[in-house]
Amino acid sequence: MRDLLLVAFFFIVVYFTFKRPFIGVCAWIWIALTAPTLWAFGFSTHLRLNLSIVLITLIAYIVAEKNKSVHLSKIGWLVLLFCFWTFLSSLTHITYDSAKIWGYFIDFIKVVMLFFFAILLLKKRYQLDIFVWCIVLSVSSYAGMEGLKFLLSGGGHEVVGRAGVIQDRNDFAVAINMSLPLIAYLYFTSKHKLIRLGLLGLAVLNVVAVIGTYSRGGFIGLAILGVAFWWRSKYKIPLALVALLLVPVLYQKAPEDWRERQTTVATAATEDGSFIGRLWAWKISTMIALDHPVSGGGFRAVTNPIVWNSYAPYTADFGPIQTPAIPADLRPKAAHNIYFQVLGDHGFIGLFIFLAMLGSTYFSNIRTNKLCRHSEDHQWMYHLSSALNLSIIGYGITGANVSLAYFDLLYAVLAMVVAMQVLRPATGVTKMRSQA
């Protein structure tokens, strides 16, 4: 039955994409984050659904899109430059496995294509809103179900990702933290009370889902997001009092093993085997970049056994933190940090470009926020720019715990920021004169 529904969904998307090409890119982000073929059991598991929707969106853009204008902005050029730099690092990789390197590069090209098609096709408010809904219906709806299971099980159910690029619980925590501000945007801009109530419940369950992942980085990111939401709120004192009353009680009611895991943050560097493994990966990523400062080692260089074993003997005393010697039989560890991941993969220049992308996005949102703050017609952009900046903050903080530098959702956020640059007013707009 799932296979039939999936195929029916595909044909419906094809039909409407040729009528409204932006629907193709909305379906694209939903498919990328949900990986619906992994939810089926029969013939549809062999469908190249993502590739098919990419080709259909491309054809629909060429045939049906009337206004073929493009606005790259500084963010778009930085994304293009970063893509070019990953190409250079793939040419000069050090892993002795060219097939895998170019496979990773092609996967990243698909993500970059999503970014560029999004800025080509998302040109109006309702299109951006549908795009946001697709993200929420992929990440947040599943997180809501998992959060409900966590509550009903009394904390016994551990929340993990189901499919796609967010199978790992730490990756899933990043995706939820990035999506929570988008739920808030839909809440503030929706007019229907039932929809707002449903979104409020979904937000609560998403918070529970982050807790249920048992991810320490996810919980830290969630806490900082909570502070950011509180800072922007008009009700700082009441919310602070509620937090002071509820947080200690909820913490004591949390499962004991969850509390024990969170309290290991301070001693992780010396007592937590998982964190020590990450320190090893961060050290090796840094050493790769020091030896190859311009282009790095290529995609996932740190996970290559030959590269890992060549640097392993030198890790114990490298850097400011001492670590135990790496066991000879230990399998290579992923970077588990977006910054060290890019550093090892693409060198110091690649990391600089990556940070410039994030920084340009953040400051562009601040600019949009200021221009639209007092405009009646652009209040939705004020809320969306605020939400997207919180998503960037959530990604930047929680991403220090995962290897998600090439995450589809990040580049979807960047695309929405570029789209808003076209729609925002050129200068600040005051409120309507009738209300002055």
Protein backbone atom coordinates (compact mmCIF):
# COMPACT_ATOMS: atom_id res chain seq x y z
CA MET A 1 0.00 0.00 0.00
CA ARG A 2 2.85 2.39 0.81
CA ASP A 3 4.36 1.70 -2.60
CA LEU A 4 1.13 2.60 -4.38
CA LEU A 5 0.73 5.79 -2.35
CA LEU A 6 4.33 6.77 -3.08
CA VAL A 7 3.93 6.24 -6.82
CA ALA A 8 0.63 8.16 -6.79
CA PHE A 9 2.34 10.99 -4.93
CA PHE A 10 5.12 11.04 -7.51
CA PHE A 11 2.73 11.40 -10.46
CA ILE A 12 0.75 14.11 -8.68
CA VAL A 13 3.97 16.04 -8.06
CA VAL A 14 4.99 15.64 -11.71
CA TYR A 15 1.63 17.00 -12.88
CA PHE A 16 1.68 20.07 -10.63
CA THR A 17 5.40 20.75 -11.16
CA PHE A 18 4.74 21.39 -14.85
CA LYS A 19 1.98 23.81 -13.85
CA ARG A 20 3.94 25.48 -11.03
CA PRO A 21 7.67 24.62 -11.25
CA PHE A 22 8.34 25.78 -7.66
CA ILE A 23 6.36 22.73 -6.48
CA GLY A 24 9.20 20.59 -7.81
CA VAL A 25 11.76 22.21 -5.51
CA CYS A 26 9.34 21.95 -2.56
CA ALA A 27 8.92 18.22 -3.25
CA TRP A 28 12.70 18.02 -3.66
CA ILE A 29 13.47 19.21 -0.12
CA TRP A 30 10.74 16.97 1.33
CA ILE A 31 12.14 13.92 -0.46
CA ALA A 32 15.74 14.79 0.48
CA LEU A 33 14.89 15.02 4.19
CA THR A 34 12.31 12.23 4.38
CA ALA A 35 13.75 9.64 1.92
CA PRO A 36 10.25 8.16 1.40
CA THR A 37 11.49 5.15 -0.59
CA LEU A 38 13.12 3.86 2.63
CA TRP A 39 9.67 3.80 4.25
CA ALA A 40 8.26 1.42 1.63
CA PHE A 41 8.75 -2.34 1.32
CA GLY A 42 8.08 -3.26 -2.31
CA PHE A 43 8.88 -2.15 -5.83
CA SER A 44 9.02 1.57 -4.99
CA THR A 45 12.21 1.06 -2.93
CA HIS A 46 14.06 0.82 -6.25
CA LEU A 47 12.73 4.13 -7.57
CA ARG A 48 15.30 6.91 -8.04
CA LEU A 49 12.81 9.36 -6.62
CA ASN A 50 15.28 12.12 -5.79
CA LEU A 51 16.98 12.00 -9.18
CA SER A 52 13.60 11.87 -10.93
CA ILE A 53 12.31 14.98 -9.16
CA VAL A 54 15.57 16.82 -9.96
CA LEU A 55 15.19 16.09 -13.69
CA ILE A 56 11.48 16.94 -13.68
CA THR A 57 12.13 20.24 -11.89
CA LEU A 58 14.86 21.09 -14.41
CA ILE A 59 12.59 20.34 -17.40
CA ALA A 60 9.67 22.21 -15.83
CA TYR A 61 11.88 25.24 -15.21
CA ILE A 62 13.03 25.28 -18.84
CA VAL A 63 9.57 24.68 -20.31
CA ALA A 64 7.08 26.25 -17.91
CA GLU A 65 8.86 28.96 -15.89
CA LYS A 66 8.18 32.35 -17.47
CA ASN A 67 10.35 34.63 -15.34
CA LYS A 68 13.84 33.15 -15.63
CA SER A 69 15.70 35.76 -13.59
CA VAL A 70 18.36 34.90 -11.03
CA HIS A 71 19.74 36.81 -8.05
CA LEU A 72 22.80 35.11 -6.60
CA SER A 73 23.92 37.73 -4.05
CA LYS A 74 27.06 37.32 -1.97
CA ILE A 75 25.68 34.12 -0.42
CA GLY A 76 25.11 32.51 -3.81
CA TRP A 77 28.62 33.36 -4.99
CA LEU A 78 30.08 31.96 -1.77
CA VAL A 79 28.13 28.71 -2.22
CA LEU A 80 29.41 28.53 -5.79
CA LEU A 81 32.97 29.21 -4.60
CA PHE A 82 32.70 26.57 -1.89
CA CYS A 83 31.43 24.07 -4.47
CA PHE A 84 34.40 24.91 -6.71
CA TRP A 85 36.77 24.49 -3.76
CA THR A 86 35.36 21.02 -3.02
CA PHE A 87 36.06 20.20 -6.66
CA LEU A 88 39.70 21.26 -6.24
CA SER A 89 40.06 19.25 -3.04
CA SER A 90 38.57 16.23 -4.83
CA LEU A 91 41.19 16.61 -7.58
CA THR A 92 44.02 16.69 -5.02
CA HIS A 93 42.61 14.23 -2.47
CA ILE A 94 44.98 12.06 -0.41
CA THR A 95 42.76 9.03 0.23
CA TYR A 96 43.80 6.76 -2.67
CA ASP A 97 40.13 6.02 -3.40
CA SER A 98 39.03 8.27 -6.24
CA ALA A 99 35.71 6.54 -6.87
CA LYS A 100 34.44 7.29 -3.35
CA ILE A 101 35.72 10.86 -3.39
CA TRP A 102 33.94 11.69 -6.64
CA GLY A 103 30.82 9.93 -5.36
CA TYR A 104 30.80 12.25 -2.34
CA PHE A 105 31.39 15.22 -4.62
CA ILE A 106 28.41 14.27 -6.83
CA ASP A 107 26.23 13.95 -3.71
CA PHE A 108 27.25 17.47 -2.73
CA ILE A 109 26.55 18.76 -6.24
CA LYS A 110 22.95 17.55 -5.78
CA VAL A 111 22.69 19.62 -2.60
CA VAL A 112 24.10 22.68 -4.37
CA MET A 113 21.60 22.14 -7.20
CA LEU A 114 18.80 22.23 -4.61
CA PHE A 115 20.13 25.60 -3.43
CA PHE A 116 20.26 27.10 -6.93
CA PHE A 117 16.88 25.76 -8.03
CA ALA A 118 15.37 27.13 -4.83
CA ILE A 119 16.67 30.65 -5.50
CA LEU A 120 15.49 30.35 -9.13
CA LEU A 121 11.95 29.28 -8.26
CA LEU A 122 11.05 30.70 -4.82
CA LYS A 123 10.03 34.26 -5.68
CA LYS A 124 6.84 34.93 -3.71
CA ARG A 125 5.70 34.67 -0.12
CA TYR A 126 3.32 31.75 -0.65
CA GLN A 127 6.09 29.80 -2.39
CA LEU A 128 8.46 30.32 0.54
CA ASP A 129 5.67 29.37 2.96
CA ILE A 130 5.02 26.10 1.13
CA PHE A 131 8.76 25.39 1.13
CA VAL A 132 8.84 25.93 4.90
CA TRP A 133 5.81 23.68 5.36
CA CYS A 134 7.58 20.92 3.42
CA ILE A 135 10.55 21.13 5.79
CA VAL A 136 8.29 21.07 8.85
CA LEU A 137 6.24 18.17 7.47
CA SER A 138 9.40 16.15 6.86
CA VAL A 139 11.54 16.78 9.95
CA SER A 140 9.19 18.16 12.58
CA SER A 141 6.24 15.84 11.97
CA TYR A 142 8.40 12.76 12.44
CA ALA A 143 10.10 14.36 15.44
CA GLY A 144 6.64 15.02 16.89
CA MET A 145 5.72 11.34 16.60
CA GLU A 146 8.99 10.31 18.22
CA GLY A 147 8.53 12.86 21.00
CA LEU A 148 5.07 11.47 21.72
CA LYS A 149 6.52 7.94 21.92
CA PHE A 150 9.14 9.22 24.36
CA LEU A 151 6.43 10.70 26.60
CA LEU A 152 4.14 7.66 26.44
CA SER A 153 7.03 5.33 27.26
CA GLY A 154 7.97 7.41 30.30
CA GLY A 155 11.36 8.20 28.74
CA GLY A 156 12.12 4.62 27.76
CA HIS A 157 11.95 5.23 24.01
CA GLU A 158 15.19 6.57 22.53
CA VAL A 159 14.54 8.92 19.64
CA VAL A 160 16.54 8.27 16.46
CA GLY A 161 16.20 9.37 12.87
CA ARG A 162 14.28 7.12 10.53
CA ALA A 163 15.61 7.66 7.03
CA GLY A 164 17.56 9.89 4.69
CA VAL A 165 20.46 11.98 5.91
CA ILE A 166 19.16 12.20 9.49
CA GLN A 167 19.28 8.55 10.60
CA ASP A 168 21.78 9.18 13.40
CA ARG A 169 20.25 10.58 16.61
CA ASN A 170 22.80 13.41 16.80
CA ASP A 171 22.09 14.38 13.18
CA PHE A 172 18.39 14.21 13.92
CA ALA A 173 18.83 16.55 16.90
CA VAL A 174 20.49 19.10 14.57
CA ALA A 175 17.61 18.85 12.09
CA ILE A 176 15.02 19.33 14.84
CA ASN A 177 16.84 22.35 16.29
CA MET A 178 16.99 23.89 12.83
CA SER A 179 13.28 23.24 12.23
CA LEU A 180 11.96 24.50 15.57
CA PRO A 181 12.31 28.20 14.56
CA LEU A 182 10.43 27.42 11.34
CA ILE A 183 7.54 26.06 13.40
CA ALA A 184 7.60 29.33 15.33
CA TYR A 185 7.48 31.29 12.04
CA LEU A 186 4.42 29.36 10.86
CA TYR A 187 2.81 29.88 14.28
CA PHE A 188 3.28 33.67 14.23
CA THR A 189 2.11 34.08 10.63
CA SER A 190 -0.83 31.64 10.60
CA LYS A 191 -4.29 33.11 11.12
CA HIS A 192 -6.26 29.95 11.90
CA LYS A 193 -6.49 29.13 15.60
CA LEU A 194 -6.53 25.35 15.12
CA ILE A 195 -3.40 25.48 12.97
CA ARG A 196 -1.66 27.66 15.55
CA LEU A 197 -2.69 25.28 18.33
CA GLY A 198 -1.41 22.31 16.33
CA LEU A 199 1.89 24.06 15.65
CA LEU A 200 2.27 24.88 19.35
CA GLY A 201 1.75 21.22 20.25
CA LEU A 202 4.18 20.16 17.51
CA ALA A 203 6.82 22.56 18.88
CA VAL A 204 6.47 21.07 22.38
CA LEU A 205 6.81 17.52 21.02
CA ASN A 206 9.88 18.56 19.01
CA VAL A 207 11.51 19.87 22.18
CA VAL A 208 10.74 16.53 23.83
CA ALA A 209 12.18 14.72 20.79
CA VAL A 210 15.52 16.57 21.12
CA ILE A 211 15.66 15.49 24.77
CA GLY A 212 14.72 11.95 23.71
CA THR A 213 17.70 11.70 21.35
CA TYR A 214 19.98 11.75 24.42
CA SER A 215 22.28 13.95 22.33
CA ARG A 216 24.36 16.22 24.57
CA GLY A 217 25.12 18.59 21.71
CA GLY A 218 21.46 18.60 20.74
CA PHE A 219 20.43 19.49 24.28
CA ILE A 220 22.99 22.31 24.49
CA GLY A 221 21.75 23.68 21.16
CA LEU A 222 18.16 23.43 22.37
CA ALA A 223 19.01 25.31 25.57
CA ILE A 224 20.67 28.13 23.62
CA LEU A 225 17.71 28.29 21.24
CA GLY A 226 15.45 28.56 24.27
CA VAL A 227 17.48 31.51 25.57
CA ALA A 228 17.32 33.13 22.10
CA PHE A 229 13.53 32.71 21.94
CA TRP A 230 13.24 34.15 25.46
CA TRP A 231 15.42 37.14 24.56
CA ARG A 232 13.20 38.00 21.58
CA SER A 233 9.99 37.55 23.55
CA LYS A 234 7.90 40.42 24.93
CA TYR A 235 7.20 38.41 28.09
CA LYS A 236 10.69 37.94 29.50
CA ILE A 237 9.83 38.11 33.21
CA PRO A 238 6.81 35.70 33.16
CA LEU A 239 8.71 33.22 30.98
CA ALA A 240 11.77 33.41 33.21
CA LEU A 241 9.63 32.69 36.29
CA VAL A 242 7.94 29.74 34.57
CA ALA A 243 11.35 28.36 33.53
CA LEU A 244 12.74 28.74 37.05
CA LEU A 245 9.77 26.81 38.44
CA LEU A 246 9.46 24.10 35.78
CA VAL A 247 13.02 23.30 34.66
CA PRO A 248 14.22 21.85 38.03
CA VAL A 249 11.06 19.75 38.31
CA LEU A 250 11.28 18.46 34.74
CA TYR A 251 14.98 17.70 35.18
CA GLN A 252 14.27 15.57 38.25
CA LYS A 253 11.47 13.77 36.38
CA ALA A 254 13.74 12.95 33.44
CA PRO A 255 15.04 9.36 33.12
CA GLU A 256 18.09 8.71 35.29
CA ASP A 257 20.28 7.50 32.41
CA TRP A 258 19.43 10.71 30.48
CA ARG A 259 20.52 12.86 33.45
CA GLU A 260 23.70 10.84 33.83
CA ARG A 261 24.56 11.34 30.17
CA GLN A 262 24.06 15.12 30.34
CA THR A 263 26.20 15.43 33.47
CA THR A 264 29.16 13.80 31.67
CA VAL A 265 29.71 16.94 29.55
CA ALA A 266 32.25 18.36 32.00
CA THR A 267 34.30 15.13 32.18
CA ALA A 268 33.83 13.95 28.59
CA ALA A 269 37.39 14.76 27.54
CA THR A 270 38.87 12.31 30.07
CA GLU A 271 36.15 9.75 30.80
CA ASP A 272 33.88 9.46 27.77
CA GLY A 273 35.16 7.03 25.13
CA SER A 274 32.86 8.46 22.48
CA PHE A 275 34.11 12.00 23.05
CA ILE A 276 37.75 10.89 23.16
CA GLY A 277 37.19 9.28 19.75
CA ARG A 278 35.98 12.63 18.48
CA LEU A 279 39.04 14.36 19.88
CA TRP A 280 41.18 11.92 17.92
CA ALA A 281 39.22 12.69 14.74
CA TRP A 282 39.51 16.47 15.35
CA LYS A 283 43.26 16.18 15.88
CA ILE A 284 43.76 14.13 12.72
CA SER A 285 41.55 16.54 10.73
CA THR A 286 43.72 19.42 11.95
CA MET A 287 46.94 17.61 11.08
CA ILE A 288 45.62 16.88 7.59
CA ALA A 289 44.87 20.59 7.14
CA LEU A 290 48.31 21.59 8.44
CA ASP A 291 49.95 19.27 5.91
CA HIS A 292 47.57 20.33 3.11
CA PRO A 293 46.47 23.86 4.12
CA VAL A 294 45.09 24.94 0.74
CA SER A 295 42.85 22.08 -0.34
CA GLY A 296 42.76 19.66 2.59
CA GLY A 297 42.56 15.92 2.14
CA GLY A 298 39.33 15.61 0.16
CA PHE A 299 35.87 14.46 1.22
CA ARG A 300 35.93 12.28 4.39
CA ALA A 301 39.72 12.06 4.36
CA VAL A 302 39.77 11.43 8.11
CA THR A 303 37.66 8.25 7.71
CA ASN A 304 40.10 6.69 5.24
CA PRO A 305 41.98 3.87 7.05
CA ILE A 306 45.33 4.65 5.39
CA VAL A 307 45.12 8.36 6.26
CA TRP A 308 43.86 7.63 9.78
CA ASN A 309 46.62 5.12 10.55
CA SER A 310 49.35 7.38 9.16
CA TYR A 311 48.43 10.17 11.60
CA ALA A 312 47.30 8.04 14.58
CA PRO A 313 50.73 7.65 16.24
CA TYR A 314 51.12 11.44 16.56
CA THR A 315 47.74 12.32 18.11
CA ALA A 316 48.38 11.75 21.84
CA ASP A 317 50.43 14.90 22.46
CA PHE A 318 49.15 16.98 19.55
CA GLY A 319 47.23 20.13 20.43
CA PRO A 320 46.28 21.62 23.78
CA ILE A 321 44.41 18.52 25.02
CA GLN A 322 46.26 15.29 25.74
CA THR A 323 44.49 12.09 24.74
CA PRO A 324 45.29 8.39 25.11
CA ALA A 325 47.11 6.67 22.27
CA ILE A 326 44.80 5.43 19.51
CA PRO A 327 44.45 1.62 19.62
CA ALA A 328 45.94 -0.03 16.54
CA ASP A 329 42.73 -1.94 15.78
CA LEU A 330 40.40 1.08 16.10
CA ARG A 331 38.33 1.88 13.03
CA PRO A 332 38.57 5.49 11.72
CA LYS A 333 36.16 7.97 13.26
CA ALA A 334 34.17 10.61 11.41
CA ALA A 335 34.94 14.23 12.32
CA HIS A 336 31.62 14.70 14.18
CA ASN A 337 32.07 18.45 13.91
CA ILE A 338 31.11 20.55 10.90
CA TYR A 339 34.11 22.86 11.34
CA PHE A 340 36.76 20.14 11.70
CA GLN A 341 34.99 18.22 8.95
CA VAL A 342 35.41 21.07 6.46
CA LEU A 343 38.94 21.79 7.76
CA GLY A 344 40.13 18.24 7.12
CA ASP A 345 38.22 17.87 3.86
CA HIS A 346 39.01 21.22 2.21
CA GLY A 347 41.76 22.92 4.19
CA PHE A 348 41.89 26.34 5.82
CA ILE A 349 40.64 28.14 2.72
CA GLY A 350 37.65 25.80 2.45
CA LEU A 351 36.84 26.42 6.12
CA PHE A 352 37.12 30.19 5.60
CA ILE A 353 34.65 30.05 2.69
CA PHE A 354 32.28 27.87 4.72
CA LEU A 355 32.35 30.27 7.68
CA ALA A 356 31.88 33.21 5.29
CA MET A 357 28.72 31.53 3.95
CA LEU A 358 27.28 31.18 7.43
CA GLY A 359 28.33 34.69 8.44
CA SER A 360 26.91 36.32 5.29
CA THR A 361 23.63 34.49 5.82
CA TYR A 362 23.40 35.65 9.43
CA PHE A 363 24.10 39.30 8.64
CA SER A 364 21.80 39.28 5.62
CA ASN A 365 19.00 38.11 7.92
CA ILE A 366 19.78 40.92 10.35
CA ARG A 367 19.52 43.40 7.47
CA THR A 368 16.18 41.93 6.35
CA ASN A 369 14.97 41.96 9.94
CA LYS A 370 15.72 45.68 10.37
CA LEU A 371 14.17 46.65 7.02
CA CYS A 372 10.93 44.79 7.70
CA ARG A 373 10.51 45.35 11.45
CA HIS A 374 8.05 48.26 11.10
CA SER A 375 6.42 47.33 7.80
CA GLU A 376 2.86 46.03 7.92
CA ASP A 377 3.25 44.40 4.50
CA HIS A 378 6.56 42.73 5.35
CA GLN A 379 5.93 41.42 8.85
CA TRP A 380 6.11 37.86 7.55
CA MET A 381 9.67 38.56 6.36
CA TYR A 382 10.54 39.97 9.78
CA HIS A 383 9.39 36.71 11.38
CA LEU A 384 10.98 34.48 8.72
CA SER A 385 14.37 36.24 8.86
CA SER A 386 14.34 35.86 12.65
CA ALA A 387 13.47 32.17 12.33
CA LEU A 388 16.17 31.50 9.75
CA ASN A 389 18.80 33.18 11.90
CA LEU A 390 17.79 30.98 14.80
CA SER A 391 18.09 27.99 12.46
CA ILE A 392 21.62 29.09 11.59
CA ILE A 393 22.43 29.46 15.30
CA GLY A 394 20.97 26.02 16.01
CA TYR A 395 23.02 24.55 13.18
CA GLY A 396 26.21 26.33 14.19
CA ILE A 397 26.00 25.18 17.81
CA THR A 398 24.58 21.66 17.45
CA GLY A 399 26.72 21.13 14.35
CA ALA A 400 29.80 21.07 16.59
CA ASN A 401 28.66 17.55 17.45
CA VAL A 402 27.98 16.09 13.97
CA SER A 403 29.40 15.70 10.46
CA LEU A 404 26.73 17.67 8.57
CA ALA A 405 28.67 20.30 6.63
CA TYR A 406 26.88 19.27 3.42
CA PHE A 407 23.38 19.03 4.93
CA ASP A 408 20.47 19.65 2.55
CA LEU A 409 18.56 21.63 5.16
CA LEU A 410 21.42 24.12 5.62
CA TYR A 411 21.47 24.96 1.92
CA ALA A 412 17.67 25.19 1.86
CA VAL A 413 17.94 27.82 4.62
CA LEU A 414 20.61 29.70 2.64
CA ALA A 415 18.35 29.67 -0.44
CA MET A 416 15.43 31.15 1.49
CA VAL A 417 17.66 33.95 2.76
CA VAL A 418 18.73 34.78 -0.82
CA ALA A 419 15.09 34.69 -1.97
CA MET A 420 14.13 37.18 0.72
CA GLN A 421 16.85 39.59 -0.38
CA VAL A 422 14.90 40.08 -3.60
CA LEU A 423 11.56 40.52 -1.85
CA ARG A 424 12.59 42.80 1.01
CA PRO A 425 12.16 46.59 0.74
CA ALA A 426 15.21 48.58 -0.32
CA THR A 427 14.94 50.85 2.74
CA GLY A 428 13.15 50.74 6.06
CA VAL A 429 9.39 51.14 5.79
CA THR A 430 7.33 52.80 8.50
CA LYS A 431 3.90 51.68 9.62
CA MET A 432 0.85 52.62 7.69
CA ARG A 433 0.02 56.33 7.99
CA SER A 434 -3.48 55.55 9.16
CA GLN A 435 -1.98 54.00 12.29
CA ALA A 436 0.70 56.67 12.79
